[in-house]
């Protein structure tokens, strides 16, 4: 998506945390067997404006198939974009 809108950056990192009750997978409790919460942090190094960064994040949320899949499957999914220092 960055290439499509000619968004310039020179570093990108992601980190994710999730909440999963493994008792469901082990058959020990009647709880969901999938993640119930996911926190994704995208860290990017760029000189682009905050407006352009917001546009990039919105386009990724709209068109990225992985993001769309997780968003549909996980009831509590939050993505945070941060600038790298």
PDB file of N, CA and C in Angstrom:
ATOM      1  N   UNK A   1       0.819  -1.179   0.000  1.00  0.00           N
ATOM      2  CA  UNK A   1       0.000   0.000   0.000  1.00  0.00           C
ATOM      3  C   UNK A   1       0.872   1.255   0.000  1.00  0.00           C
ATOM      4  N   UNK A   2       1.993   1.221   0.732  1.00  0.00           N
ATOM      5  CA  UNK A   2       2.896   2.375   0.758  1.00  0.00           C
ATOM      6  C   UNK A   2       3.411   2.689  -0.646  1.00  0.00           C
ATOM      7  N   UNK A   3       3.760   1.658  -1.378  1.00  0.00           N
ATOM      8  CA  UNK A   3       4.252   1.862  -2.743  1.00  0.00           C
ATOM      9  C   UNK A   3       3.167   2.491  -3.612  1.00  0.00           C
ATOM     10  N   UNK A   4       1.954   2.026  -3.447  1.00  0.00           N
ATOM     11  CA  UNK A   4       0.842   2.512  -4.267  1.00  0.00           C
ATOM     12  C   UNK A   4       0.611   4.014  -4.083  1.00  0.00           C
ATOM     13  N   UNK A   5       0.758   4.510  -2.851  1.00  0.00           N
ATOM     14  CA  UNK A   5       0.528   5.941  -2.614  1.00  0.00           C
ATOM     15  C   UNK A   5       1.847   6.721  -2.525  1.00  0.00           C
ATOM     16  N   UNK A   6       2.941   6.051  -2.895  1.00  0.00           N
ATOM     17  CA  UNK A   6       4.270   6.681  -2.882  1.00  0.00           C
ATOM     18  C   UNK A   6       4.621   7.251  -1.511  1.00  0.00           C
ATOM     19  N   UNK A   7       4.394   6.432  -0.516  1.00  0.00           N
ATOM     20  CA  UNK A   7       4.690   6.784   0.873  1.00  0.00           C
ATOM     21  C   UNK A   7       6.119   6.344   1.164  1.00  0.00           C
ATOM     22  N   UNK A   8       6.941   7.266   1.591  1.00  0.00           N
ATOM     23  CA  UNK A   8       8.357   6.982   1.819  1.00  0.00           C
ATOM     24  C   UNK A   8       8.616   6.625   3.285  1.00  0.00           C
ATOM     25  N   UNK A   9       9.305   5.503   3.501  1.00  0.00           N
ATOM     26  CA  UNK A   9       9.703   5.121   4.858  1.00  0.00           C
ATOM     27  C   UNK A   9      10.993   4.326   4.764  1.00  0.00           C
ATOM     28  N   UNK A  10      11.744   4.289   5.859  1.00  0.00           N
ATOM     29  CA  UNK A  10      12.995   3.524   5.826  1.00  0.00           C
ATOM     30  C   UNK A  10      13.131   2.553   6.990  1.00  0.00           C
ATOM     31  N   UNK A  11      12.045   2.261   7.659  1.00  0.00           N
ATOM     32  CA  UNK A  11      12.061   1.256   8.709  1.00  0.00           C
ATOM     33  C   UNK A  11      10.637   0.896   9.092  1.00  0.00           C
ATOM     34  N   UNK A  12      10.408  -0.380   9.363  1.00  0.00           N
ATOM     35  CA  UNK A  12       9.084  -0.846   9.760  1.00  0.00           C
ATOM     36  C   UNK A  12       9.246  -2.062  10.653  1.00  0.00           C
ATOM     37  N   UNK A  13       8.584  -2.031  11.784  1.00  0.00           N
ATOM     38  CA  UNK A  13       8.581  -3.170  12.716  1.00  0.00           C
ATOM     39  C   UNK A  13       7.147  -3.409  13.162  1.00  0.00           C
ATOM     40  N   UNK A  14       6.821  -4.651  13.421  1.00  0.00           N
ATOM     41  CA  UNK A  14       5.512  -4.966  13.982  1.00  0.00           C
ATOM     42  C   UNK A  14       5.696  -5.837  15.216  1.00  0.00           C
ATOM     43  N   UNK A  15       4.767  -5.708  16.138  1.00  0.00           N
ATOM     44  CA  UNK A  15       4.737  -6.555  17.333  1.00  0.00           C
ATOM     45  C   UNK A  15       3.277  -6.847  17.641  1.00  0.00           C
ATOM     46  N   UNK A  16       2.999  -8.068  18.059  1.00  0.00           N
ATOM     47  CA  UNK A  16       1.617  -8.443  18.357  1.00  0.00           C
ATOM     48  C   UNK A  16       1.543  -9.192  19.682  1.00  0.00           C
ATOM     49  N   UNK A  17       0.456  -8.967  20.378  1.00  0.00           N
ATOM     50  CA  UNK A  17       0.133  -9.700  21.602  1.00  0.00           C
ATOM     51  C   UNK A  17      -1.286 -10.200  21.465  1.00  0.00           C
ATOM     52  N   UNK A  18      -1.559 -11.376  22.014  1.00  0.00           N
ATOM     53  CA  UNK A  18      -2.903 -11.913  21.923  1.00  0.00           C
ATOM     54  C   UNK A  18      -3.360 -12.571  23.199  1.00  0.00           C
ATOM     55  N   UNK A  19      -4.678 -12.637  23.361  1.00  0.00           N
ATOM     56  CA  UNK A  19      -5.290 -13.300  24.510  1.00  0.00           C
ATOM     57  C   UNK A  19      -5.946 -14.576  24.013  1.00  0.00           C
ATOM     58  N   UNK A  20      -5.515 -15.698  24.571  1.00  0.00           N
ATOM     59  CA  UNK A  20      -6.011 -17.007  24.151  1.00  0.00           C
ATOM     60  C   UNK A  20      -6.173 -17.885  25.381  1.00  0.00           C
ATOM     61  N   UNK A  21      -7.347 -18.422  25.565  1.00  0.00           N
ATOM     62  CA  UNK A  21      -7.603 -19.338  26.670  1.00  0.00           C
ATOM     63  C   UNK A  21      -7.386 -20.755  26.149  1.00  0.00           C
ATOM     64  N   UNK A  22      -6.267 -21.348  26.453  1.00  0.00           N
ATOM     65  CA  UNK A  22      -5.899 -22.657  25.892  1.00  0.00           C
ATOM     66  C   UNK A  22      -6.761 -23.802  26.420  1.00  0.00           C
ATOM     67  N   UNK A  23      -7.550 -23.564  27.443  1.00  0.00           N
ATOM     68  CA  UNK A  23      -8.427 -24.638  27.944  1.00  0.00           C
ATOM     69  C   UNK A  23      -9.406 -25.086  26.858  1.00  0.00           C
ATOM     70  N   UNK A  24      -9.810 -24.161  25.986  1.00  0.00           N
ATOM     71  CA  UNK A  24     -10.734 -24.522  24.911  1.00  0.00           C
ATOM     72  C   UNK A  24     -10.118 -25.498  23.935  1.00  0.00           C
ATOM     73  N   UNK A  25      -8.872 -25.272  23.573  1.00  0.00           N
ATOM     74  CA  UNK A  25      -8.177 -26.179  22.642  1.00  0.00           C
ATOM     75  C   UNK A  25      -7.901 -27.536  23.250  1.00  0.00           C
ATOM     76  N   UNK A  26      -7.763 -27.573  24.563  1.00  0.00           N
ATOM     77  CA  UNK A  26      -7.484 -28.842  25.244  1.00  0.00           C
ATOM     78  C   UNK A  26      -8.767 -29.558  25.657  1.00  0.00           C
ATOM     79  N   UNK A  27      -9.920 -28.927  25.384  1.00  0.00           N
ATOM     80  CA  UNK A  27     -11.191 -29.551  25.734  1.00  0.00           C
ATOM     81  C   UNK A  27     -11.501 -29.504  27.219  1.00  0.00           C
ATOM     82  N   UNK A  28     -10.873 -28.609  27.948  1.00  0.00           N
ATOM     83  CA  UNK A  28     -11.068 -28.529  29.392  1.00  0.00           C
ATOM     84  C   UNK A  28     -12.154 -27.541  29.801  1.00  0.00           C
ATOM     85  N   UNK A  29     -12.568 -26.694  28.883  1.00  0.00           N
ATOM     86  CA  UNK A  29     -13.602 -25.703  29.189  1.00  0.00           C
ATOM     87  C   UNK A  29     -14.316 -25.315  27.900  1.00  0.00           C
ATOM     88  N   UNK A  30     -15.550 -24.884  28.055  1.00  0.00           N
ATOM     89  CA  UNK A  30     -16.335 -24.453  26.900  1.00  0.00           C
ATOM     90  C   UNK A  30     -16.084 -22.963  26.662  1.00  0.00           C
ATOM     91  N   UNK A  31     -14.897 -22.673  26.125  1.00  0.00           N
ATOM     92  CA  UNK A  31     -14.477 -21.305  25.826  1.00  0.00           C
ATOM     93  C   UNK A  31     -14.001 -21.270  24.375  1.00  0.00           C
ATOM     94  N   UNK A  32     -13.957 -20.081  23.765  1.00  0.00           N
ATOM     95  CA  UNK A  32     -13.500 -20.008  22.374  1.00  0.00           C
ATOM     96  C   UNK A  32     -12.105 -20.621  22.199  1.00  0.00           C
ATOM     97  N   UNK A  33     -11.895 -21.260  21.067  1.00  0.00           N
ATOM     98  CA  UNK A  33     -10.588 -21.886  20.787  1.00  0.00           C
ATOM     99  C   UNK A  33      -9.686 -20.954  19.990  1.00  0.00           C
ATOM    100  N   UNK A  34     -10.148 -19.747  19.754  1.00  0.00           N
ATOM    101  CA  UNK A  34      -9.361 -18.778  18.996  1.00  0.00           C
ATOM    102  C   UNK A  34      -9.021 -17.580  19.887  1.00  0.00           C
ATOM    103  N   UNK A  35      -8.214 -16.686  19.366  1.00  0.00           N
ATOM    104  CA  UNK A  35      -7.856 -15.482  20.112  1.00  0.00           C
ATOM    105  C   UNK A  35      -9.097 -14.626  20.336  1.00  0.00           C
ATOM    106  N   UNK A  36      -9.220 -14.084  21.531  1.00  0.00           N
ATOM    107  CA  UNK A  36     -10.336 -13.196  21.847  1.00  0.00           C
ATOM    108  C   UNK A  36      -9.901 -11.739  21.845  1.00  0.00           C
ATOM    109  N   UNK A  37      -8.592 -11.510  21.875  1.00  0.00           N
ATOM    110  CA  UNK A  37      -8.068 -10.144  21.815  1.00  0.00           C
ATOM    111  C   UNK A  37      -6.693 -10.177  21.155  1.00  0.00           C
ATOM    112  N   UNK A  38      -6.423  -9.183  20.329  1.00  0.00           N
ATOM    113  CA  UNK A  38      -5.113  -9.034  19.693  1.00  0.00           C
ATOM    114  C   UNK A  38      -4.765  -7.549  19.684  1.00  0.00           C
ATOM    115  N   UNK A  39      -3.535  -7.246  20.068  1.00  0.00           N
ATOM    116  CA  UNK A  39      -2.993  -5.885  20.004  1.00  0.00           C
ATOM    117  C   UNK A  39      -1.816  -5.912  19.039  1.00  0.00           C
ATOM    118  N   UNK A  40      -1.935  -5.185  17.944  1.00  0.00           N
ATOM    119  CA  UNK A  40      -0.872  -5.105  16.953  1.00  0.00           C
ATOM    120  C   UNK A  40      -0.300  -3.699  16.983  1.00  0.00           C
ATOM    121  N   UNK A  41       1.012  -3.605  17.087  1.00  0.00           N
ATOM    122  CA  UNK A  41       1.694  -2.315  17.033  1.00  0.00           C
ATOM    123  C   UNK A  41       2.557  -2.290  15.784  1.00  0.00           C
ATOM    124  N   UNK A  42       2.359  -1.261  14.968  1.00  0.00           N
ATOM    125  CA  UNK A  42       3.163  -1.049  13.766  1.00  0.00           C
ATOM    126  C   UNK A  42       4.045   0.161  14.050  1.00  0.00           C
ATOM    127  N   UNK A  43       5.352  -0.037  14.022  1.00  0.00           N
ATOM    128  CA  UNK A  43       6.299   1.062  14.232  1.00  0.00           C
ATOM    129  C   UNK A  43       6.959   1.372  12.894  1.00  0.00           C
ATOM    130  N   UNK A  44       6.938   2.643  12.504  1.00  0.00           N
ATOM    131  CA  UNK A  44       7.441   3.026  11.197  1.00  0.00           C
ATOM    132  C   UNK A  44       8.361   4.240  11.322  1.00  0.00           C
ATOM    133  N   UNK A  45       9.440   4.220  10.543  1.00  0.00           N
ATOM    134  CA  UNK A  45      10.354   5.366  10.477  1.00  0.00           C
ATOM    135  C   UNK A  45      10.099   6.086   9.163  1.00  0.00           C
ATOM    136  N   UNK A  46       9.615   7.327   9.267  1.00  0.00           N
ATOM    137  CA  UNK A  46       9.262   8.092   8.072  1.00  0.00           C
ATOM    138  C   UNK A  46       9.297   9.581   8.370  1.00  0.00           C
ATOM    139  N   UNK A  47       9.509  10.356   7.328  1.00  0.00           N
ATOM    140  CA  UNK A  47       9.411  11.805   7.419  1.00  0.00           C
ATOM    141  C   UNK A  47       8.080  12.309   6.859  1.00  0.00           C
ATOM    142  N   UNK A  48       7.216  11.394   6.469  1.00  0.00           N
ATOM    143  CA  UNK A  48       5.908  11.768   5.927  1.00  0.00           C
ATOM    144  C   UNK A  48       5.073  12.446   7.026  1.00  0.00           C
ATOM    145  N   UNK A  49       4.100  13.246   6.620  1.00  0.00           N
ATOM    146  CA  UNK A  49       3.244  13.969   7.563  1.00  0.00           C
ATOM    147  C   UNK A  49       2.319  13.007   8.319  1.00  0.00           C
ATOM    148  N   UNK A  50       1.785  13.493   9.430  1.00  0.00           N
ATOM    149  CA  UNK A  50       0.817  12.703  10.197  1.00  0.00           C
ATOM    150  C   UNK A  50      -0.410  12.381   9.339  1.00  0.00           C
ATOM    151  N   UNK A  51      -0.803  13.329   8.503  1.00  0.00           N
ATOM    152  CA  UNK A  51      -1.948  13.109   7.619  1.00  0.00           C
ATOM    153  C   UNK A  51      -1.684  11.949   6.663  1.00  0.00           C
ATOM    154  N   UNK A  52      -0.498  11.926   6.077  1.00  0.00           N
ATOM    155  CA  UNK A  52      -0.149  10.830   5.140  1.00  0.00           C
ATOM    156  C   UNK A  52      -0.038   9.503   5.884  1.00  0.00           C
ATOM    157  N   UNK A  53       0.505   9.534   7.096  1.00  0.00           N
ATOM    158  CA  UNK A  53       0.604   8.304   7.889  1.00  0.00           C
ATOM    159  C   UNK A  53      -0.793   7.787   8.219  1.00  0.00           C
ATOM    160  N   UNK A  54      -1.696   8.678   8.562  1.00  0.00           N
ATOM    161  CA  UNK A  54      -3.079   8.277   8.820  1.00  0.00           C
ATOM    162  C   UNK A  54      -3.733   7.672   7.592  1.00  0.00           C
ATOM    163  N   UNK A  55      -3.445   8.242   6.432  1.00  0.00           N
ATOM    164  CA  UNK A  55      -3.987   7.701   5.174  1.00  0.00           C
ATOM    165  C   UNK A  55      -3.455   6.294   4.928  1.00  0.00           C
ATOM    166  N   UNK A  56      -2.146   6.112   5.139  1.00  0.00           N
ATOM    167  CA  UNK A  56      -1.563   4.783   4.949  1.00  0.00           C
ATOM    168  C   UNK A  56      -2.210   3.769   5.889  1.00  0.00           C
ATOM    169  N   UNK A  57      -2.331   4.106   7.157  1.00  0.00           N
ATOM    170  CA  UNK A  57      -2.909   3.158   8.119  1.00  0.00           C
ATOM    171  C   UNK A  57      -4.360   2.836   7.765  1.00  0.00           C
ATOM    172  N   UNK A  58      -5.114   3.824   7.306  1.00  0.00           N
ATOM    173  CA  UNK A  58      -6.510   3.585   6.920  1.00  0.00           C
ATOM    174  C   UNK A  58      -6.593   2.669   5.696  1.00  0.00           C
ATOM    175  N   UNK A  59      -5.711   2.869   4.741  1.00  0.00           N
ATOM    176  CA  UNK A  59      -5.711   2.021   3.544  1.00  0.00           C
ATOM    177  C   UNK A  59      -5.307   0.588   3.874  1.00  0.00           C
ATOM    178  N   UNK A  60      -4.326   0.437   4.750  1.00  0.00           N
ATOM    179  CA  UNK A  60      -3.928  -0.913   5.170  1.00  0.00           C
ATOM    180  C   UNK A  60      -5.104  -1.601   5.863  1.00  0.00           C
ATOM    181  N   UNK A  61      -5.777  -0.883   6.769  1.00  0.00           N
ATOM    182  CA  UNK A  61      -6.924  -1.468   7.475  1.00  0.00           C
ATOM    183  C   UNK A  61      -8.030  -1.871   6.505  1.00  0.00           C
ATOM    184  N   UNK A  62      -8.173  -1.127   5.435  1.00  0.00           N
ATOM    185  CA  UNK A  62      -9.247  -1.407   4.482  1.00  0.00           C
ATOM    186  C   UNK A  62      -8.909  -2.502   3.484  1.00  0.00           C
ATOM    187  N   UNK A  63      -7.654  -2.544   3.000  1.00  0.00           N
ATOM    188  CA  UNK A  63      -7.322  -3.428   1.882  1.00  0.00           C
ATOM    189  C   UNK A  63      -6.407  -4.608   2.200  1.00  0.00           C
ATOM    190  N   UNK A  64      -5.770  -4.622   3.342  1.00  0.00           N
ATOM    191  CA  UNK A  64      -4.872  -5.741   3.666  1.00  0.00           C
ATOM    192  C   UNK A  64      -5.703  -6.984   3.995  1.00  0.00           C
ATOM    193  N   UNK A  65      -5.514  -8.084   3.252  1.00  0.00           N
ATOM    194  CA  UNK A  65      -6.328  -9.270   3.504  1.00  0.00           C
ATOM    195  C   UNK A  65      -6.077  -9.887   4.878  1.00  0.00           C
ATOM    196  N   UNK A  66      -4.859  -9.815   5.372  1.00  0.00           N
ATOM    197  CA  UNK A  66      -4.570 -10.383   6.699  1.00  0.00           C
ATOM    198  C   UNK A  66      -5.244  -9.534   7.773  1.00  0.00           C
ATOM    199  N   UNK A  67      -5.109  -8.220   7.665  1.00  0.00           N
ATOM    200  CA  UNK A  67      -5.758  -7.333   8.631  1.00  0.00           C
ATOM    201  C   UNK A  67      -7.270  -7.541   8.618  1.00  0.00           C
ATOM    202  N   UNK A  68      -7.858  -7.643   7.447  1.00  0.00           N
ATOM    203  CA  UNK A  68      -9.305  -7.858   7.331  1.00  0.00           C
ATOM    204  C   UNK A  68      -9.725  -9.180   7.958  1.00  0.00           C
ATOM    205  N   UNK A  69      -8.921 -10.211   7.746  1.00  0.00           N
ATOM    206  CA  UNK A  69      -9.220 -11.531   8.302  1.00  0.00           C
ATOM    207  C   UNK A  69      -9.191 -11.501   9.829  1.00  0.00           C
ATOM    208  N   UNK A  70      -8.131 -10.919  10.382  1.00  0.00           N
ATOM    209  CA  UNK A  70      -8.016 -10.852  11.841  1.00  0.00           C
ATOM    210  C   UNK A  70      -9.128  -9.985  12.421  1.00  0.00           C
ATOM    211  N   UNK A  71      -9.392  -8.859  11.796  1.00  0.00           N
ATOM    212  CA  UNK A  71     -10.451  -7.942  12.268  1.00  0.00           C
ATOM    213  C   UNK A  71     -11.806  -8.657  12.326  1.00  0.00           C
ATOM    214  N   UNK A  72     -12.092  -9.501  11.342  1.00  0.00           N
ATOM    215  CA  UNK A  72     -13.367 -10.223  11.304  1.00  0.00           C
ATOM    216  C   UNK A  72     -13.417 -11.362  12.318  1.00  0.00           C
ATOM    217  N   UNK A  73     -12.270 -11.936  12.635  1.00  0.00           N
ATOM    218  CA  UNK A  73     -12.240 -13.125  13.482  1.00  0.00           C
ATOM    219  C   UNK A  73     -12.042 -12.834  14.969  1.00  0.00           C
ATOM    220  N   UNK A  74     -11.421 -11.719  15.283  1.00  0.00           N
ATOM    221  CA  UNK A  74     -11.071 -11.425  16.675  1.00  0.00           C
ATOM    222  C   UNK A  74     -11.954 -10.278  17.178  1.00  0.00           C
ATOM    223  N   UNK A  75     -12.758 -10.541  18.215  1.00  0.00           N
ATOM    224  CA  UNK A  75     -13.689  -9.516  18.668  1.00  0.00           C
ATOM    225  C   UNK A  75     -13.029  -8.251  19.219  1.00  0.00           C
ATOM    226  N   UNK A  76     -11.859  -8.370  19.788  1.00  0.00           N
ATOM    227  CA  UNK A  76     -11.169  -7.226  20.387  1.00  0.00           C
ATOM    228  C   UNK A  76      -9.801  -7.067  19.705  1.00  0.00           C
ATOM    229  N   UNK A  77      -9.796  -6.410  18.559  1.00  0.00           N
ATOM    230  CA  UNK A  77      -8.592  -6.247  17.742  1.00  0.00           C
ATOM    231  C   UNK A  77      -8.268  -4.759  17.644  1.00  0.00           C
ATOM    232  N   UNK A  78      -7.063  -4.397  18.071  1.00  0.00           N
ATOM    233  CA  UNK A  78      -6.647  -3.000  18.059  1.00  0.00           C
ATOM    234  C   UNK A  78      -5.292  -2.897  17.373  1.00  0.00           C
ATOM    235  N   UNK A  79      -5.196  -1.983  16.410  1.00  0.00           N
ATOM    236  CA  UNK A  79      -3.937  -1.717  15.712  1.00  0.00           C
ATOM    237  C   UNK A  79      -3.495  -0.299  16.061  1.00  0.00           C
ATOM    238  N   UNK A  80      -2.247  -0.155  16.466  1.00  0.00           N
ATOM    239  CA  UNK A  80      -1.692   1.137  16.803  1.00  0.00           C
ATOM    240  C   UNK A  80      -0.465   1.378  15.927  1.00  0.00           C
ATOM    241  N   UNK A  81      -0.436   2.532  15.289  1.00  0.00           N
ATOM    242  CA  UNK A  81       0.716   2.941  14.480  1.00  0.00           C
ATOM    243  C   UNK A  81       1.528   3.951  15.279  1.00  0.00           C
ATOM    244  N   UNK A  82       2.845   3.754  15.331  1.00  0.00           N
ATOM    245  CA  UNK A  82       3.745   4.650  16.047  1.00  0.00           C
ATOM    246  C   UNK A  82       4.916   4.999  15.151  1.00  0.00           C
ATOM    247  N   UNK A  83       5.456   6.177  15.370  1.00  0.00           N
ATOM    248  CA  UNK A  83       6.679   6.559  14.672  1.00  0.00           C
ATOM    249  C   UNK A  83       7.891   6.051  15.449  1.00  0.00           C
ATOM    250  N   UNK A  84       8.879   5.552  14.723  1.00  0.00           N
ATOM    251  CA  UNK A  84      10.151   5.164  15.340  1.00  0.00           C
ATOM    252  C   UNK A  84      10.964   6.426  15.617  1.00  0.00           C
ATOM    253  N   UNK A  85      11.677   6.398  16.716  1.00  0.00           N
ATOM    254  CA  UNK A  85      12.519   7.547  17.058  1.00  0.00           C
ATOM    255  C   UNK A  85      13.796   7.617  16.256  1.00  0.00           C
TER     256      UNK A  85
END
